[in-house]
Protein backbone atom coordinates (compact mmCIF):
# COMPACT_ATOMS: atom_id res chain seq x y z
CA MET A 1 0.00 0.00 0.00
CA ALA A 2 1.40 3.39 -0.95
CA PHE A 3 1.45 6.31 1.48
CA ASN A 4 0.88 9.87 0.37
CA PHE A 5 0.40 13.11 2.30
CA SER A 6 -1.12 15.52 -0.24
CA ALA A 7 -1.77 13.97 -3.66
CA THR A 8 -4.26 11.24 -4.40
CA ALA A 9 -2.77 8.05 -5.76
CA GLY A 10 -4.05 6.97 -9.11
CA ALA A 11 -4.43 3.54 -10.65
CA GLY A 12 -1.42 2.29 -12.51
CA ALA A 13 1.55 0.09 -11.93
CA ALA A 14 1.40 -1.66 -8.60
CA ASN A 15 3.99 -1.18 -5.89
CA PRO A 16 4.73 -4.75 -4.95
CA THR A 17 6.94 -3.88 -1.99
CA GLY A 18 4.25 -1.83 -0.26
CA ALA A 19 6.88 0.68 0.81
CA PHE A 20 6.49 4.31 1.78
CA GLY A 21 5.95 6.09 -1.50
CA GLY A 22 6.83 9.63 -0.51
CA PHE A 23 4.86 12.66 0.62
CA GLY A 24 3.33 15.17 -1.78
CA THR A 25 4.10 13.16 -4.93
CA THR A 26 1.69 11.12 -7.01
CA THR A 27 2.21 7.40 -6.41
CA THR A 28 0.49 4.77 -8.51
CA THR A 29 -0.49 1.50 -6.95
CA ALA A 30 -3.12 -1.14 -7.29
CA ALA A 31 -3.97 -0.89 -3.58
CA PRO A 32 -5.93 2.00 -2.13
CA ALA A 33 -3.73 4.98 -1.26
CA PHE A 34 -3.42 6.72 2.10
CA SER A 35 -3.21 10.50 2.13
CA PHE A 36 -2.45 12.96 4.95
CA SER A 37 -4.67 15.52 3.25
CA ALA A 38 -7.71 13.23 3.45
CA PRO A 39 -7.02 10.68 6.18
CA THR A 40 -9.16 7.59 6.23
CA ASN A 41 -10.32 5.56 9.19
CA THR A 42 -8.06 2.54 9.32
CA GLY A 43 -7.92 -0.29 11.77
CA THR A 44 -4.78 0.98 13.51
CA SER A 45 -5.76 4.63 13.74
CA GLY A 46 -9.06 3.99 15.50
CA LEU A 47 -8.88 4.05 19.26
CA PHE A 48 -11.89 1.95 20.18
CA GLY A 49 -13.44 0.69 16.97
CA ALA A 50 -10.65 -1.76 16.08
CA THR A 51 -9.33 -4.91 17.62
CA GLN A 52 -5.93 -3.35 18.34
CA ASN A 53 -5.84 -0.42 20.73
CA LYS A 54 -2.43 1.10 20.09
CA GLY A 55 -3.15 4.80 20.14
CA PHE A 56 -3.87 5.19 23.82
CA GLY A 57 -0.89 6.43 25.80
CA PHE A 58 -1.59 5.44 29.40
CA GLY A 59 0.79 2.51 29.34
CA THR A 60 -1.88 -0.12 30.04
CA SER A 61 -4.62 -1.78 28.07
CA PHE A 62 -8.19 -0.55 28.48
CA GLY A 63 -10.04 -2.96 26.20
CA THR A 64 -12.53 -5.41 27.58
CA GLY A 65 -10.62 -8.46 28.68
CA THR A 66 -11.47 -12.10 28.31
CA GLY A 67 -12.23 -12.58 31.98
CA THR A 68 -13.93 -9.44 33.29
CA GLY A 69 -16.76 -11.25 35.01
CA LEU A 70 -14.81 -14.36 35.92
CA GLY A 71 -14.30 -13.35 39.54
CA SER A 72 -17.95 -12.81 40.29
CA GLY A 73 -18.99 -15.88 38.29
CA LEU A 74 -16.65 -18.24 40.09
CA GLY A 75 -17.45 -16.70 43.44
CA THR A 76 -21.17 -17.34 43.10
CA GLY A 77 -21.52 -20.30 40.74
CA LEU A 78 -18.39 -22.38 41.33
CA GLY A 79 -16.77 -21.41 44.61
CA PHE A 80 -13.38 -22.31 46.03
CA GLY A 81 -14.30 -24.26 49.14
CA GLY A 82 -15.69 -27.71 49.83
CA PHE A 83 -13.62 -29.79 47.43
CA GLY A 84 -14.72 -33.31 48.32
CA THR A 85 -15.46 -36.43 46.34
CA GLN A 86 -15.13 -36.98 42.63
CA GLN A 87 -18.91 -36.81 42.32
CA GLN A 88 -18.93 -33.30 43.72
CA GLN A 89 -16.21 -32.34 41.26
CA GLN A 90 -18.23 -33.71 38.36
CA GLN A 91 -21.31 -31.83 39.57
CA GLN A 92 -19.24 -28.66 39.77
CA GLN A 93 -18.00 -29.23 36.22
CA GLN A 94 -21.54 -29.70 34.98
CA GLN A 95 -22.67 -26.59 36.87
CA GLN A 96 -19.73 -24.64 35.42
CA GLN A 97 -20.55 -25.70 31.87
CA THR A 98 -24.21 -24.87 32.40
CA THR A 99 -23.40 -21.49 33.87
CA LEU A 100 -20.87 -20.69 31.13
CA GLY A 101 -23.45 -21.60 28.51
CA SER A 102 -25.99 -19.24 30.03
CA GLY A 103 -23.70 -16.20 29.96
CA LEU A 104 -22.09 -16.27 33.40
CA PHE A 105 -19.20 -14.04 32.39
CA ASN A 106 -21.33 -11.16 31.08
CA GLN A 107 -19.87 -11.46 27.59
CA PRO A 108 -22.37 -10.83 24.80
CA ALA A 109 -20.51 -12.96 22.26
CA GLN A 110 -17.60 -15.25 23.11
CA THR A 111 -15.31 -16.72 20.49
CA PRO A 112 -14.47 -20.41 20.84
CA ALA A 113 -10.91 -19.64 21.90
CA GLN A 114 -12.09 -17.26 24.63
CA SER A 115 -14.70 -19.69 25.85
CA ASN A 116 -12.18 -22.51 26.02
CA GLN A 117 -9.76 -20.24 27.89
CA LEU A 118 -12.41 -19.34 30.45
CA ILE A 119 -13.49 -22.95 30.85
CA ASN A 120 -9.91 -24.13 31.29
CA THR A 121 -9.21 -21.39 33.85
CA ALA A 122 -12.35 -22.26 35.81
CA SER A 123 -11.48 -25.96 35.69
CA ALA A 124 -7.94 -25.33 36.92
CA LEU A 125 -9.19 -23.22 39.83
CA SER A 126 -12.23 -25.21 40.91
CA ALA A 127 -12.29 -28.80 39.63
CA PRO A 128 -9.06 -30.19 38.16
CA THR A 129 -9.21 -33.84 37.04
CA LEU A 130 -5.49 -34.51 36.78
CA LEU A 131 -5.07 -37.24 39.44
CA GLY A 132 -8.63 -38.42 40.01
CA ASP A 133 -8.51 -38.44 43.83
CA GLU A 134 -8.47 -36.05 46.77
CA ARG A 135 -5.16 -34.61 45.58
CA ASP A 136 -7.05 -32.73 42.90
CA ALA A 137 -8.56 -30.54 45.65
CA ILE A 138 -5.06 -29.68 46.84
CA LEU A 139 -4.04 -28.96 43.25
CA ALA A 140 -7.04 -26.66 42.90
CA LYS A 141 -5.95 -24.71 45.97
CA TRP A 142 -2.42 -24.50 44.56
CA ASN A 143 -3.79 -23.18 41.26
CA GLN A 144 -5.82 -20.62 43.18
CA LEU A 145 -2.68 -19.50 45.00
CA GLN A 146 -0.85 -19.13 41.68
CA ALA A 147 -3.77 -17.16 40.26
CA PHE A 148 -3.70 -14.86 43.30
CA TRP A 149 0.02 -14.34 42.83
CA GLY A 150 -0.29 -13.89 39.06
CA THR A 151 2.34 -16.32 37.88
CA GLY A 152 2.78 -20.00 37.13
CA LYS A 153 0.84 -22.68 35.28
CA GLY A 154 -2.40 -24.32 36.30
CA TYR A 155 -2.58 -28.05 35.50
CA PHE A 156 -6.08 -29.51 35.49
CA ASN A 157 -6.25 -32.26 32.80
CA ASN A 158 -3.80 -34.73 31.32
CA ASN A 159 -5.07 -34.18 27.79
CA ILE A 160 -5.24 -30.36 27.85
CA ALA A 161 -2.36 -27.92 28.09
CA PRO A 162 -2.04 -26.07 31.41
CA VAL A 163 -3.38 -22.57 31.89
CA GLU A 164 -0.90 -19.71 32.05
CA PHE A 165 -1.55 -17.43 35.03
CA THR A 166 -0.51 -13.84 34.46
CA GLN A 167 -1.00 -10.72 36.54
CA GLU A 168 -3.78 -9.67 34.18
CA ASN A 169 -6.01 -12.55 35.29
CA PRO A 170 -9.02 -11.42 37.34
CA PHE A 171 -7.92 -13.31 40.46
CA CYS A 172 -4.55 -11.62 40.84
CA ARG A 173 -4.51 -9.76 44.15
CA PHE A 174 -1.63 -7.40 43.33
CA LYS A 175 -3.75 -4.82 41.60
CA ALA A 176 -4.74 -1.26 42.29
CA VAL A 177 -6.25 1.67 40.44
CA GLY A 178 -4.40 4.95 39.94
CA TYR A 179 -5.11 8.08 37.96
CA SER A 180 -3.45 9.55 34.89
CA LEU A 181 -3.79 12.94 33.31
CA MET A 182 -5.77 12.96 30.10
CA PRO A 183 -4.06 14.75 27.18
CA ASN A 184 -5.69 17.95 26.02
CA ASN A 185 -4.06 18.25 22.60
CA LYS A 186 -6.15 18.31 19.45
CA ASP A 187 -5.65 15.88 16.62
CA GLU A 188 -4.88 18.88 14.41
CA ASP A 189 -1.85 19.69 16.59
CA GLY A 190 -0.18 16.58 15.19
CA LEU A 191 1.80 15.73 18.33
CA VAL A 192 3.27 12.23 18.40
CA VAL A 193 5.35 10.93 21.30
CA LEU A 194 8.44 8.82 20.62
CA VAL A 195 10.12 7.14 23.59
CA PHE A 196 13.85 6.50 23.01
CA ASN A 197 16.04 4.11 24.99
CA ARG A 198 18.67 6.80 25.24
CA LYS A 199 19.59 9.52 27.71
CA GLU A 200 18.33 13.06 27.34
CA ALA A 201 21.85 14.46 26.93
CA ASP A 202 22.49 12.14 23.96
CA ILE A 203 19.16 13.09 22.38
CA ARG A 204 19.80 16.82 22.74
CA SER A 205 23.35 16.58 21.43
CA GLN A 206 22.17 14.63 18.36
CA GLN A 207 18.80 16.31 17.90
CA GLN A 208 19.57 17.55 14.39
CA GLN A 209 20.68 14.08 13.25
CA LEU A 210 17.54 12.63 14.81
CA VAL A 211 15.33 15.06 12.88
CA GLU A 212 17.11 14.21 9.65
CA SER A 213 16.69 10.47 10.30
CA LEU A 214 12.97 10.88 10.95
CA HIS A 215 12.68 12.93 7.77
CA LYS A 216 14.30 10.09 5.82
CA ILE A 217 11.89 7.62 7.41
CA LEU A 218 9.02 9.81 6.21
CA GLY A 219 10.32 9.54 2.65
CA GLY A 220 12.68 12.52 2.48
CA ASN A 221 10.04 14.67 0.82
CA GLN A 222 10.98 18.35 0.68
CA THR A 223 7.41 19.42 1.39
CA LEU A 224 7.59 17.85 4.86
CA THR A 225 9.39 19.27 7.86
CA VAL A 226 9.93 17.40 11.12
CA ASN A 227 9.86 19.62 14.22
CA VAL A 228 10.63 18.77 17.84
CA GLU A 229 8.05 20.11 20.29
CA GLY A 230 9.82 19.06 23.47
CA VAL A 231 12.29 16.65 25.08
CA LYS A 232 11.73 15.22 28.57
CA THR A 233 13.70 12.80 30.71
CA MET A 234 12.06 9.54 31.76
CA PRO A 235 13.16 6.82 34.22
CA ASP A 236 15.53 4.01 33.26
CA ASP A 237 17.60 6.30 31.00
CA GLN A 238 14.74 6.83 28.59
CA THR A 239 13.78 10.07 26.86
CA GLU A 240 10.42 11.24 25.59
CA VAL A 241 10.53 13.27 22.37
CA ILE A 242 7.40 15.02 21.11
CA ILE A 243 7.41 15.74 17.38
CA TYR A 244 5.05 17.06 14.74
CA VAL A 245 5.29 17.19 10.95
CA VAL A 246 4.44 20.26 8.90
CA GLU A 247 3.34 19.75 5.29
CA ARG A 248 3.72 22.62 2.83
CA SER A 249 1.43 22.72 -0.17
CA PRO A 250 2.45 24.08 -3.61
CA ASN A 251 0.33 27.22 -3.12
CA GLY A 252 2.47 28.27 -0.14
CA THR A 253 0.17 27.27 2.70
CA SER A 254 1.23 24.83 5.40
CA ARG A 255 -0.50 22.63 7.92
CA ARG A 256 0.36 20.08 10.54
CA VAL A 257 -0.16 16.44 9.73
CA PRO A 258 -2.86 15.04 12.08
CA ALA A 259 -1.52 13.02 14.98
CA THR A 260 -3.59 9.92 14.24
CA THR A 261 -2.44 9.88 10.62
CA LEU A 262 1.22 10.26 11.54
CA TYR A 263 0.89 7.61 14.26
CA ALA A 264 -0.79 5.18 11.84
CA HIS A 265 2.14 5.65 9.48
CA PHE A 266 4.67 4.99 12.26
CA GLU A 267 2.82 1.78 13.15
CA GLN A 268 3.47 0.22 9.74
CA ALA A 269 5.78 -2.77 9.96
CA ASN A 270 8.65 -1.40 7.85
CA ILE A 271 8.46 2.06 9.40
CA LYS A 272 8.26 0.63 12.92
CA SER A 273 11.38 -1.45 12.34
CA SER A 274 13.21 1.67 11.12
CA LEU A 275 12.16 3.53 14.26
CA GLN A 276 13.36 0.64 16.42
CA GLN A 277 16.75 0.91 14.77
CA LEU A 278 16.84 4.54 15.93
CA GLY A 279 16.15 3.40 19.48
CA VAL A 280 12.38 4.03 19.62
CA SER A 281 10.70 1.67 22.07
CA LEU A 282 7.23 3.21 22.06
CA SER A 283 5.21 5.61 19.93
CA MET A 284 1.81 7.10 20.67
CA ALA A 285 -0.42 9.89 19.43
CA ARG A 286 -0.99 12.64 21.97
CA THR A 287 -4.62 13.52 21.35
CA GLU A 288 -7.48 14.28 23.68
CA LEU A 289 -10.28 11.80 24.20
CA SER A 290 -13.77 12.55 23.03
CA PRO A 291 -16.61 12.42 25.58
CA ALA A 292 -17.85 9.22 23.96
CA GLN A 293 -14.44 7.58 24.29
CA VAL A 294 -14.11 8.63 27.93
CA LYS A 295 -17.60 7.30 28.63
CA GLN A 296 -16.77 3.99 26.97
CA LEU A 297 -13.54 3.68 28.97
CA LEU A 298 -15.30 4.35 32.24
CA GLN A 299 -18.21 2.02 31.53
CA ASN A 300 -16.05 -1.00 30.67
CA PRO A 301 -13.66 -2.11 33.44
CA PRO A 302 -10.20 -3.13 32.20
CA ALA A 303 -9.23 -6.77 31.94
CA GLY A 304 -8.84 -8.39 35.33
CA VAL A 305 -10.23 -5.45 37.37
CA ASP A 306 -13.27 -6.09 39.53
CA PRO A 307 -16.24 -3.91 38.49
CA ILE A 308 -16.85 -2.90 42.10
CA ILE A 309 -13.28 -1.62 42.45
CA TRP A 310 -13.60 0.17 39.12
CA GLU A 311 -16.81 1.89 40.21
CA GLN A 312 -15.21 2.97 43.46
CA ALA A 313 -12.21 4.33 41.54
CA LYS A 314 -14.55 6.44 39.44
CA VAL A 315 -16.22 7.80 42.58
CA ASP A 316 -12.84 8.62 44.21
CA ASN A 317 -11.53 10.45 41.14
CA PRO A 318 -10.28 13.83 42.48
CA ASP A 319 -10.73 15.61 39.13
CA PRO A 320 -12.96 13.72 36.67
CA ASP A 321 -12.52 16.42 34.02
CA LYS A 322 -8.74 16.00 33.84
CA LEU A 323 -7.92 12.60 35.36
CA ILE A 324 -8.97 9.11 34.32
CA PRO A 325 -8.55 5.91 36.38
CA VAL A 326 -6.00 3.42 35.11
CA PRO A 327 -5.22 -0.06 36.49
CA MET A 328 -1.88 -0.77 38.14
CA VAL A 329 -1.13 -4.48 37.83
CA GLY A 330 1.82 -5.93 39.69
CA PHE A 331 4.79 -4.45 41.45
CA LYS A 332 6.49 -3.64 38.17
CA GLU A 333 3.82 -1.11 37.24
CA LEU A 334 3.88 0.32 40.75
CA LEU A 335 7.66 0.69 40.53
CA ARG A 336 7.32 2.41 37.15
CA ARG A 337 4.87 4.95 38.52
CA LEU A 338 7.12 5.49 41.54
CA LYS A 339 10.08 6.17 39.26
CA VAL A 340 8.02 8.59 37.19
CA GLN A 341 6.95 10.37 40.35
CA ASP A 342 10.56 10.62 41.55
CA GLN A 343 11.57 11.95 38.14
CA MET A 344 8.86 14.62 38.24
CA THR A 345 9.87 15.52 41.80
CA LYS A 346 13.46 16.04 40.65
CA GLN A 347 12.27 18.20 37.76
CA HIS A 348 10.15 20.28 40.13
CA GLN A 349 13.09 20.66 42.52
CA THR A 350 15.32 21.70 39.64
CA ARG A 351 12.75 24.29 38.59
CA LEU A 352 12.53 25.55 42.19
CA ASP A 353 16.32 25.88 42.32
CA ILE A 354 16.26 27.90 39.10
CA ILE A 355 13.53 30.14 40.51
CA SER A 356 15.54 30.58 43.73
CA GLU A 357 18.60 31.61 41.73
CA ASP A 358 16.50 34.06 39.74
CA ILE A 359 15.13 35.55 42.97
CA SER A 360 18.66 35.94 44.39
CA GLU A 361 19.79 37.62 41.19
CA LEU A 362 16.79 39.95 41.29
CA GLN A 363 17.56 40.86 44.90
CA LYS A 364 21.13 41.72 43.94
CA ASN A 365 19.87 43.82 41.06
CA GLN A 366 17.43 45.56 43.39
CA THR A 367 20.23 46.43 45.85
CA THR A 368 22.38 47.77 43.01
CA THR A 369 19.45 49.74 41.64
CA MET A 370 18.69 51.28 45.04
CA ALA A 371 22.34 52.34 45.41
CA LYS A 372 22.28 53.90 41.95
CA ILE A 373 19.04 55.72 42.75
CA ALA A 374 20.61 57.19 45.91
CA GLN A 375 23.68 58.22 43.91
CA TYR A 376 21.50 59.87 41.26
CA LYS A 377 19.60 61.72 43.99
CA ARG A 378 22.85 63.16 45.32
CA LYS A 379 23.89 64.17 41.82
CA LEU A 380 20.50 65.78 41.28
CA MET A 381 20.87 67.77 44.50
CA ALA A 382 24.37 68.90 43.51
CA LEU A 383 23.16 69.96 40.07
CA SER A 384 20.23 71.77 41.66
CA HIS A 385 22.60 73.72 43.89
CA ARG A 386 24.81 74.58 40.96
CA THR A 387 21.80 75.70 38.97
CA LEU A 388 20.66 77.84 41.89
CA GLN A 389 24.10 79.45 42.15
CA VAL A 390 24.04 80.25 38.44
CA LEU A 391 20.59 81.79 38.81
CA ILE A 392 21.77 83.84 41.78
CA LYS A 393 24.73 85.21 39.88
CA GLN A 394 22.56 85.94 36.88
CA GLU A 395 19.98 87.70 39.04
CA ILE A 396 22.71 89.77 40.73
CA GLN A 397 24.04 90.91 37.37
CA ARG A 398 20.55 91.70 36.16
CA LYS A 399 19.66 93.74 39.25
CA SER A 400 23.01 95.54 39.50
CA GLY A 401 22.52 99.35 39.66
CA TYR A 402 18.91 99.11 40.86
CA ALA A 403 17.73 100.02 44.32
CA ILE A 404 16.59 97.31 46.70
CA GLN A 405 12.88 96.73 46.35
CA ALA A 406 10.44 96.05 49.14
CA ASP A 407 10.02 92.35 48.40
CA GLU A 408 13.78 91.93 48.21
CA GLU A 409 14.15 93.65 51.56
CA GLN A 410 11.53 91.33 53.01
CA LEU A 411 13.33 88.33 51.56
CA ARG A 412 16.64 89.58 53.05
CA VAL A 413 15.01 89.83 56.47
CA GLN A 414 13.73 86.29 56.19
CA LEU A 415 17.15 85.01 55.13
CA ASP A 416 18.79 86.78 58.07
CA THR A 417 16.29 85.18 60.40
CA ILE A 418 17.04 81.77 58.97
CA GLN A 419 20.77 82.42 59.28
CA CYS A 420 20.35 83.37 62.92
CA GLU A 421 18.38 80.20 63.60
CA LEU A 422 21.06 78.11 61.93
CA ASN A 423 23.82 79.76 63.96
CA ALA A 424 21.93 79.44 67.26
CA PRO A 425 23.94 77.31 69.77
CA THR A 426 20.93 75.17 70.70
CA GLN A 427 19.85 74.46 67.13
CA PHE A 428 21.69 73.13 64.12
CA LYS A 429 25.00 74.64 65.14
CA GLY A 430 25.10 72.62 68.34
CA ARG A 431 24.23 69.48 66.45
CA LEU A 432 26.92 70.27 63.93
CA ASN A 433 29.47 70.64 66.70
CA GLU A 434 28.37 67.31 68.11
CA LEU A 435 28.78 65.71 64.72
CA MET A 436 32.25 67.23 64.42
CA SER A 437 33.25 65.76 67.77
CA GLN A 438 31.96 62.36 66.69
CA ILE A 439 33.93 62.64 63.47
CA ARG A 440 37.08 63.39 65.43
CA MET A 441 36.47 60.38 67.64
CA GLN A 442 35.89 58.18 64.62
CA ASN A 443 39.10 59.48 63.06
CA HIS A 444 40.89 58.65 66.30
CA PHE A 445 39.53 55.12 66.35
CA GLY A 446 40.17 54.87 62.61
CA ALA A 447 43.89 54.73 63.31
CA VAL A 448 43.28 51.50 65.21
CA ARG A 449 40.69 50.15 62.78
CA ALA A 450 42.15 51.16 59.47
CA GLU A 451 39.86 48.85 57.60
CA GLU A 452 36.80 51.08 58.32
CA ARG A 453 36.02 53.78 55.78
CA TYR A 454 33.53 56.62 56.02
CA TYR A 455 32.00 58.74 53.34
CA ILE A 456 30.64 62.29 53.84
CA ASP A 457 28.21 63.80 51.43
CA ALA A 458 29.64 66.61 49.30
CA ASP A 459 26.96 69.11 50.38
CA LEU A 460 27.46 68.27 54.05
CA LEU A 461 31.22 68.57 53.65
CA ARG A 462 30.80 71.96 51.99
CA GLU A 463 28.58 73.15 54.83
CA ILE A 464 31.09 71.91 57.39
CA LYS A 465 33.88 73.77 55.61
CA GLN A 466 31.79 76.91 55.50
CA HIS A 467 31.02 76.65 59.21
CA LEU A 468 34.66 76.05 60.07
CA LYS A 469 35.63 78.98 57.92
CA GLN A 470 33.19 81.20 59.80
CA GLN A 471 34.56 79.93 63.09
CA GLN A 472 38.09 80.62 61.91
CA GLU A 473 37.15 84.11 60.78
CA GLY A 474 35.51 84.74 64.14
CA LEU A 475 38.57 83.55 65.99
CA SER A 476 40.82 85.67 63.82
CA HIS A 477 38.66 88.72 64.49
CA LEU A 478 38.66 87.95 68.22
CA ILE A 479 42.44 87.59 68.21
CA SER A 480 42.85 90.92 66.44
CA ILE A 481 40.61 92.60 69.03
CA ILE A 482 42.59 91.05 71.87
CA LYS A 483 45.83 92.23 70.29
CA ASP A 484 44.48 95.76 70.00
CA ASP A 485 43.34 95.66 73.61
CA LEU A 486 46.77 94.45 74.73
CA GLU A 487 48.45 97.32 72.90
CA ASP A 488 46.10 99.78 74.58
CA ILE A 489 46.82 98.23 77.97
CA LYS A 490 50.54 98.52 77.34
CA LEU A 491 50.20 102.18 76.46
CA ILE A 492 48.20 102.81 79.62
CA GLU A 493 50.80 101.02 81.73
CA HIS A 494 53.61 102.96 80.09
CA GLY A 495 51.82 106.25 80.72
CA LEU A 496 51.19 105.38 84.32
CA ASN A 497 54.85 104.49 84.88
CA GLU A 498 56.00 107.83 83.48
CA SER A 499 53.49 109.94 85.45
CA ILE A 500 54.20 108.51 88.95
CA PRO A 501 57.72 110.06 89.57
CA ILE A 502 56.65 113.51 88.40
CA ARG A 503 53.74 113.52 90.74
CA GLY A 504 56.00 112.41 93.60
CA GLY A 505 58.43 115.26 92.99
CA VAL A 506 55.72 117.83 92.98
CA PHE A 507 54.24 116.71 96.25
CA SER A 508 57.64 116.44 97.85
């Protein structure tokens, strides 16, 4: 059968090999063609209408099994206790055959092979006729134990092959029901999952070669492009790769190949062998389930799961809109789910570590930004002062030669008042002196602790210099006054010394 994505195959020379005939090109074959532009409903692409259910990606089978009602049937019609004489065993066999003939197992139509399988299983568990004495009752109990465990062979007749007990049989006790997230992707999205038996690092390092290999598997048509949607690590050194194929038409438009169509192509024998050579162990179409499909899954318990347990699982579903119950058979499946959970926990922890690093980086950036904002504020204040000084000088030059106006006189009085308040000992001046003393003390201790550094704002430093300059000018003026007073005192003393002898001579 030829495979075509966009052009319809016409009648002509047959393709005896049945190989992949290319995408977008006209392929002639005697068999009906398959096109991605007009996908048909085939046996492998259907999820529930075909005998093979390969498109469902929960990892377990959901089809109706061969022994769904076997547990309830044997529990009520056959029983496990009271194995006595051979006559009782024959009566039980007759009752079993009668009950099976009347539809004990709730199967509307049983094939001969299924019926024989059910009969053989019931015979091995309830009434084996291998030895013909009381040892058959012991053998029946042993077969029941094997069925509970889910392994071994059940011998019941010398002329019939033994029954193989697997964990999928309805009597296996190592079963539970879990929940899986239902996919929400449309069929038009074209997402197909490929599980590789390789590590994620190897897949990412050879991603381009992988895309080229998949393109060759699809026929190497230039109108098709293979794209990787995502790569995710799975337990046991496996990697999940999600791909989709884009098909470009001659008129310039493009569309994604539907997921069911692409999956049906991957399930072909020759294509599947090529994928296995690349390391693909599993492929599935990631498409959402229709309400009818979900209803059918929930109504029909999986093979080997008791209907009562299945009904309880549906009631206990925490989110029926997003989760669907799935059977967990055996410790192997439980271990697989545990590994998947550990893997997801590691991914979540990795994501939390990345978020924590981002938060730390943002905090550092915030600290740096706050420091820059403070620095820009100081620069803005310095520029404002410089601008004010320029305006003052400009205003002085503009008003030079004019008399002082009334508002200017009022402003001068206010400025003098402010200056007096600033120079008051109990106000800012006293605080400034206190700060100066603290600075001296810090400078003194700085000799011992040389590693400490202090920074004084430029405006504050300028004000301190101005205040010190005023203090120095005041001291200089005071010193000059004292000097003048000393000179006057010296003159007075000199005059007194000269006038004393004269006065003494006169009075003498």
